[in-house]
Amino acid sequence: MPQPEDAWTVLGRISGVYGVRGWVKVFSFTQSREGILDYPLWHLGSVRRPVRVLEGRLQAGGIVAHLEGIDDRDTAAALVGQDITVPVSALPALPDGEFYWFQLQGLAVVNLDDERLGTVAGLLETGANDVLVVHDAQGTEILIPWDAHAAAGVDLEQGRITVDWQRDW
């Protein structure tokens, strides 16, 4: 399904404080952890309060950032747990045939026999390939490898993914 022009996506979450000068620890959902720093304006929490990223870096396997107006540990601590969102329009365009995971969530999944298998509930990243997590009408979870063989087609306009997969596999 096409995204509305005012759609938002979550890129990460404030996960803790770093030091005493207002820096925060960030749990990044971007493909490369530091990719979240490519967005100079974050929107925090459910109210989407805009805040500029003044500095940020990879630190001990995670991300730390200094945000405009956040200059002490107590102010930073008040942000812990808040989602970091950006407008979907701020995301880079992808080549044909590539999709952001959030675009696939909620799509109907059918196989080559046009049998409805369920709806995409999420995706998992594994070492070998990504995996579609599909929930059927009874709530049963079906795991389908997301690779060139299994993914027969994605139609965002129709809200549908076709896979080369059978329910009983």
C-alpha atoms as a PDB file:
ATOM      1  CA  MET A   1       0.000   0.000   0.000  1.00  0.00           C
ATOM      2  CA  PRO A   2       1.419   3.406  -0.828  1.00  0.00           C
ATOM      3  CA  GLN A   3       2.439   5.499   2.146  1.00  0.00           C
ATOM      4  CA  PRO A   4       0.515   8.709   2.820  1.00  0.00           C
ATOM      5  CA  GLU A   5       2.562  11.869   2.382  1.00  0.00           C
ATOM      6  CA  ASP A   6       2.472  12.523   6.129  1.00  0.00           C
ATOM      7  CA  ALA A   7       3.624   8.999   7.097  1.00  0.00           C
ATOM      8  CA  TRP A   8       6.365   8.521   9.686  1.00  0.00           C
ATOM      9  CA  THR A   9       8.787   5.709  10.394  1.00  0.00           C
ATOM     10  CA  VAL A  10      10.683   4.784  13.540  1.00  0.00           C
ATOM     11  CA  LEU A  11      14.472   4.751  13.088  1.00  0.00           C
ATOM     12  CA  GLY A  12      15.443   3.984  16.671  1.00  0.00           C
ATOM     13  CA  ARG A  13      14.892   4.668  20.347  1.00  0.00           C
ATOM     14  CA  ILE A  14      16.662   6.644  23.059  1.00  0.00           C
ATOM     15  CA  SER A  15      17.961   3.827  25.259  1.00  0.00           C
ATOM     16  CA  GLY A  16      19.985   5.578  27.951  1.00  0.00           C
ATOM     17  CA  VAL A  17      22.200   8.473  28.927  1.00  0.00           C
ATOM     18  CA  TYR A  18      25.895   8.832  28.157  1.00  0.00           C
ATOM     19  CA  GLY A  19      28.037  10.953  30.414  1.00  0.00           C
ATOM     20  CA  VAL A  20      26.984  14.116  32.228  1.00  0.00           C
ATOM     21  CA  ARG A  21      26.738  16.609  29.352  1.00  0.00           C
ATOM     22  CA  GLY A  22      23.402  15.555  27.925  1.00  0.00           C
ATOM     23  CA  TRP A  23      24.476  12.895  25.449  1.00  0.00           C
ATOM     24  CA  VAL A  24      22.093   9.983  24.917  1.00  0.00           C
ATOM     25  CA  LYS A  25      22.565   6.346  23.969  1.00  0.00           C
ATOM     26  CA  VAL A  26      20.565   5.326  20.918  1.00  0.00           C
ATOM     27  CA  PHE A  27      19.330   1.920  19.850  1.00  0.00           C
ATOM     28  CA  SER A  28      19.301   2.232  16.068  1.00  0.00           C
ATOM     29  CA  PHE A  29      16.958   0.228  13.830  1.00  0.00           C
ATOM     30  CA  THR A  30      18.756   1.339  10.638  1.00  0.00           C
ATOM     31  CA  GLN A  31      20.572  -1.282   8.569  1.00  0.00           C
ATOM     32  CA  SER A  32      23.946   0.098   9.583  1.00  0.00           C
ATOM     33  CA  ARG A  33      23.713   1.293  13.183  1.00  0.00           C
ATOM     34  CA  GLU A  34      25.296   4.648  12.407  1.00  0.00           C
ATOM     35  CA  GLY A  35      22.840   5.213   9.529  1.00  0.00           C
ATOM     36  CA  ILE A  36      20.521   6.943  12.000  1.00  0.00           C
ATOM     37  CA  LEU A  37      23.079   9.768  12.169  1.00  0.00           C
ATOM     38  CA  ASP A  38      22.430  10.516   8.477  1.00  0.00           C
ATOM     39  CA  TYR A  39      19.214  12.233   9.613  1.00  0.00           C
ATOM     40  CA  PRO A  40      20.056  15.629  11.138  1.00  0.00           C
ATOM     41  CA  LEU A  41      16.534  16.214  12.486  1.00  0.00           C
ATOM     42  CA  TRP A  42      14.895  13.616  14.707  1.00  0.00           C
ATOM     43  CA  HIS A  43      11.340  13.706  16.028  1.00  0.00           C
ATOM     44  CA  LEU A  44      11.027  12.308  19.542  1.00  0.00           C
ATOM     45  CA  GLY A  45       8.202  10.524  21.269  1.00  0.00           C
ATOM     46  CA  SER A  46       4.537  10.303  20.378  1.00  0.00           C
ATOM     47  CA  VAL A  47       4.306  14.097  20.000  1.00  0.00           C
ATOM     48  CA  ARG A  48       7.189  13.993  17.487  1.00  0.00           C
ATOM     49  CA  ARG A  49       9.078  16.850  19.098  1.00  0.00           C
ATOM     50  CA  PRO A  50      11.711  17.961  16.556  1.00  0.00           C
ATOM     51  CA  VAL A  51      15.296  18.024  17.797  1.00  0.00           C
ATOM     52  CA  ARG A  52      18.554  18.599  15.887  1.00  0.00           C
ATOM     53  CA  VAL A  53      21.422  16.169  16.152  1.00  0.00           C
ATOM     54  CA  LEU A  54      24.516  18.252  16.969  1.00  0.00           C
ATOM     55  CA  GLU A  55      26.985  15.357  17.128  1.00  0.00           C
ATOM     56  CA  GLY A  56      26.884  11.604  17.069  1.00  0.00           C
ATOM     57  CA  ARG A  57      29.164   8.630  16.751  1.00  0.00           C
ATOM     58  CA  LEU A  58      29.566   4.906  17.084  1.00  0.00           C
ATOM     59  CA  GLN A  59      30.647   4.171  20.667  1.00  0.00           C
ATOM     60  CA  ALA A  60      31.410   0.669  21.953  1.00  0.00           C
ATOM     61  CA  GLY A  61      29.135  -0.971  19.377  1.00  0.00           C
ATOM     62  CA  GLY A  62      26.257   1.441  19.930  1.00  0.00           C
ATOM     63  CA  ILE A  63      25.371   4.993  18.985  1.00  0.00           C
ATOM     64  CA  VAL A  64      25.678   8.052  21.191  1.00  0.00           C
ATOM     65  CA  ALA A  65      24.385  11.480  20.230  1.00  0.00           C
ATOM     66  CA  HIS A  66      24.272  15.035  21.508  1.00  0.00           C
ATOM     67  CA  LEU A  67      20.967  16.723  20.768  1.00  0.00           C
ATOM     68  CA  GLU A  68      20.268  20.445  20.579  1.00  0.00           C
ATOM     69  CA  GLY A  69      18.958  21.803  23.887  1.00  0.00           C
ATOM     70  CA  ILE A  70      19.891  18.660  25.824  1.00  0.00           C
ATOM     71  CA  ASP A  71      22.930  19.692  27.852  1.00  0.00           C
ATOM     72  CA  ASP A  72      22.739  17.788  31.150  1.00  0.00           C
ATOM     73  CA  ARG A  73      22.209  14.257  32.334  1.00  0.00           C
ATOM     74  CA  ASP A  74      18.780  14.906  33.907  1.00  0.00           C
ATOM     75  CA  THR A  75      17.344  16.391  30.698  1.00  0.00           C
ATOM     76  CA  ALA A  76      18.801  13.490  28.698  1.00  0.00           C
ATOM     77  CA  ALA A  77      17.336  10.956  31.169  1.00  0.00           C
ATOM     78  CA  ALA A  78      13.839  12.332  30.504  1.00  0.00           C
ATOM     79  CA  LEU A  79      14.195  11.192  26.865  1.00  0.00           C
ATOM     80  CA  VAL A  80      14.960   7.537  27.637  1.00  0.00           C
ATOM     81  CA  GLY A  81      12.412   5.235  25.999  1.00  0.00           C
ATOM     82  CA  GLN A  82      11.263   7.725  23.383  1.00  0.00           C
ATOM     83  CA  ASP A  83      11.099   6.624  19.756  1.00  0.00           C
ATOM     84  CA  ILE A  84      13.117   8.485  17.136  1.00  0.00           C
ATOM     85  CA  THR A  85      10.993   9.057  14.031  1.00  0.00           C
ATOM     86  CA  VAL A  86      11.428  10.795  10.701  1.00  0.00           C
ATOM     87  CA  PRO A  87       8.967  11.467   7.901  1.00  0.00           C
ATOM     88  CA  VAL A  88       8.955   8.688   5.305  1.00  0.00           C
ATOM     89  CA  SER A  89       9.657  11.412   2.727  1.00  0.00           C
ATOM     90  CA  ALA A  90      13.118  11.894   4.348  1.00  0.00           C
ATOM     91  CA  LEU A  91      14.182   8.335   3.502  1.00  0.00           C
ATOM     92  CA  PRO A  92      16.365   7.821   0.437  1.00  0.00           C
ATOM     93  CA  ALA A  93      14.621   6.360  -2.608  1.00  0.00           C
ATOM     94  CA  LEU A  94      15.400   2.691  -3.170  1.00  0.00           C
ATOM     95  CA  PRO A  95      16.110   1.002  -6.498  1.00  0.00           C
ATOM     96  CA  ASP A  96      13.256  -0.881  -8.168  1.00  0.00           C
ATOM     97  CA  GLY A  97      12.592  -4.182  -6.446  1.00  0.00           C
ATOM     98  CA  GLU A  98      13.927  -3.062  -3.053  1.00  0.00           C
ATOM     99  CA  PHE A  99      11.731  -2.140  -0.111  1.00  0.00           C
ATOM    100  CA  TYR A 100      11.973  -0.808   3.392  1.00  0.00           C
ATOM    101  CA  TRP A 101      10.769  -3.372   5.919  1.00  0.00           C
ATOM    102  CA  PHE A 102       8.021  -1.075   7.202  1.00  0.00           C
ATOM    103  CA  GLN A 103       6.555  -1.036   3.673  1.00  0.00           C
ATOM    104  CA  LEU A 104       6.051  -4.808   3.802  1.00  0.00           C
ATOM    105  CA  GLN A 105       4.444  -5.005   7.242  1.00  0.00           C
ATOM    106  CA  GLY A 106       0.697  -5.489   7.061  1.00  0.00           C
ATOM    107  CA  LEU A 107       0.683  -6.702   3.441  1.00  0.00           C
ATOM    108  CA  ALA A 108      -1.313  -9.797   2.485  1.00  0.00           C
ATOM    109  CA  VAL A 109       0.802 -12.822   1.579  1.00  0.00           C
ATOM    110  CA  VAL A 110      -0.385 -15.244  -1.105  1.00  0.00           C
ATOM    111  CA  ASN A 111       1.377 -18.134  -2.783  1.00  0.00           C
ATOM    112  CA  LEU A 112       1.673 -18.905  -6.494  1.00  0.00           C
ATOM    113  CA  ASP A 113      -1.649 -20.839  -6.289  1.00  0.00           C
ATOM    114  CA  ASP A 114      -3.299 -17.609  -5.041  1.00  0.00           C
ATOM    115  CA  GLU A 115      -3.865 -19.199  -1.608  1.00  0.00           C
ATOM    116  CA  ARG A 116      -3.832 -16.551   1.115  1.00  0.00           C
ATOM    117  CA  LEU A 117      -1.217 -17.470   3.696  1.00  0.00           C
ATOM    118  CA  GLY A 118      -1.751 -14.499   6.005  1.00  0.00           C
ATOM    119  CA  THR A 119      -0.412 -11.021   6.719  1.00  0.00           C
ATOM    120  CA  VAL A 120       3.153  -9.845   7.255  1.00  0.00           C
ATOM    121  CA  ALA A 121       3.575  -9.234  10.990  1.00  0.00           C
ATOM    122  CA  GLY A 122       7.260  -8.409  10.762  1.00  0.00           C
ATOM    123  CA  LEU A 123      10.628  -9.472   9.451  1.00  0.00           C
ATOM    124  CA  LEU A 124      13.596 -11.136  11.088  1.00  0.00           C
ATOM    125  CA  GLU A 125      17.207 -10.665  10.152  1.00  0.00           C
ATOM    126  CA  THR A 126      19.168 -13.904  10.205  1.00  0.00           C
ATOM    127  CA  GLY A 127      22.685 -14.688   9.111  1.00  0.00           C
ATOM    128  CA  ALA A 128      21.639 -16.389   5.888  1.00  0.00           C
ATOM    129  CA  ASN A 129      18.693 -14.276   4.742  1.00  0.00           C
ATOM    130  CA  ASP A 130      15.817 -12.218   6.058  1.00  0.00           C
ATOM    131  CA  VAL A 131      12.601 -14.001   7.057  1.00  0.00           C
ATOM    132  CA  LEU A 132       8.991 -12.848   6.625  1.00  0.00           C
ATOM    133  CA  VAL A 133       6.945 -13.445   9.771  1.00  0.00           C
ATOM    134  CA  VAL A 134       3.400 -14.117   8.568  1.00  0.00           C
ATOM    135  CA  HIS A 135       0.335 -14.578  10.779  1.00  0.00           C
ATOM    136  CA  ASP A 136      -2.585 -16.516   9.293  1.00  0.00           C
ATOM    137  CA  ALA A 137      -6.263 -16.054  10.156  1.00  0.00           C
ATOM    138  CA  GLN A 138      -5.953 -18.459  13.115  1.00  0.00           C
ATOM    139  CA  GLY A 139      -2.948 -16.598  14.515  1.00  0.00           C
ATOM    140  CA  THR A 140      -0.480 -19.278  13.488  1.00  0.00           C
ATOM    141  CA  GLU A 141       2.951 -17.951  12.659  1.00  0.00           C
ATOM    142  CA  ILE A 142       4.489 -18.919   9.322  1.00  0.00           C
ATOM    143  CA  LEU A 143       8.155 -18.135   8.665  1.00  0.00           C
ATOM    144  CA  ILE A 144       9.058 -17.630   5.007  1.00  0.00           C
ATOM    145  CA  PRO A 145      12.609 -16.988   3.800  1.00  0.00           C
ATOM    146  CA  TRP A 146      12.850 -13.595   2.127  1.00  0.00           C
ATOM    147  CA  ASP A 147      15.154 -14.420  -0.749  1.00  0.00           C
ATOM    148  CA  ALA A 148      15.131 -14.263  -4.530  1.00  0.00           C
ATOM    149  CA  HIS A 149      13.633 -17.763  -4.759  1.00  0.00           C
ATOM    150  CA  ALA A 150      10.738 -17.376  -2.320  1.00  0.00           C
ATOM    151  CA  ALA A 151       9.825 -13.740  -3.030  1.00  0.00           C
ATOM    152  CA  ALA A 152       7.941 -13.970  -6.315  1.00  0.00           C
ATOM    153  CA  GLY A 153       6.642 -10.391  -6.252  1.00  0.00           C
ATOM    154  CA  VAL A 154       5.639  -7.376  -4.189  1.00  0.00           C
ATOM    155  CA  ASP A 155       2.752  -5.133  -5.219  1.00  0.00           C
ATOM    156  CA  LEU A 156       2.563  -2.190  -2.821  1.00  0.00           C
ATOM    157  CA  GLU A 157      -0.399  -0.694  -4.700  1.00  0.00           C
ATOM    158  CA  GLN A 158      -2.447  -3.869  -4.167  1.00  0.00           C
ATOM    159  CA  GLY A 159      -1.035  -4.443  -0.673  1.00  0.00           C
ATOM    160  CA  ARG A 160       0.131  -7.921  -1.587  1.00  0.00           C
ATOM    161  CA  ILE A 161       3.228 -10.119  -1.623  1.00  0.00           C
ATOM    162  CA  THR A 162       3.351 -13.261  -3.742  1.00  0.00           C
ATOM    163  CA  VAL A 163       5.667 -16.016  -2.528  1.00  0.00           C
ATOM    164  CA  ASP A 164       6.785 -19.379  -3.868  1.00  0.00           C
ATOM    165  CA  TRP A 165       5.756 -21.146  -0.649  1.00  0.00           C
ATOM    166  CA  GLN A 166       3.165 -23.613   0.563  1.00  0.00           C
ATOM    167  CA  ARG A 167       1.269 -23.437   3.840  1.00  0.00           C
ATOM    168  CA  ASP A 168       2.476 -26.890   4.947  1.00  0.00           C
ATOM    169  CA  TRP A 169       6.205 -26.366   4.326  1.00  0.00           C
END
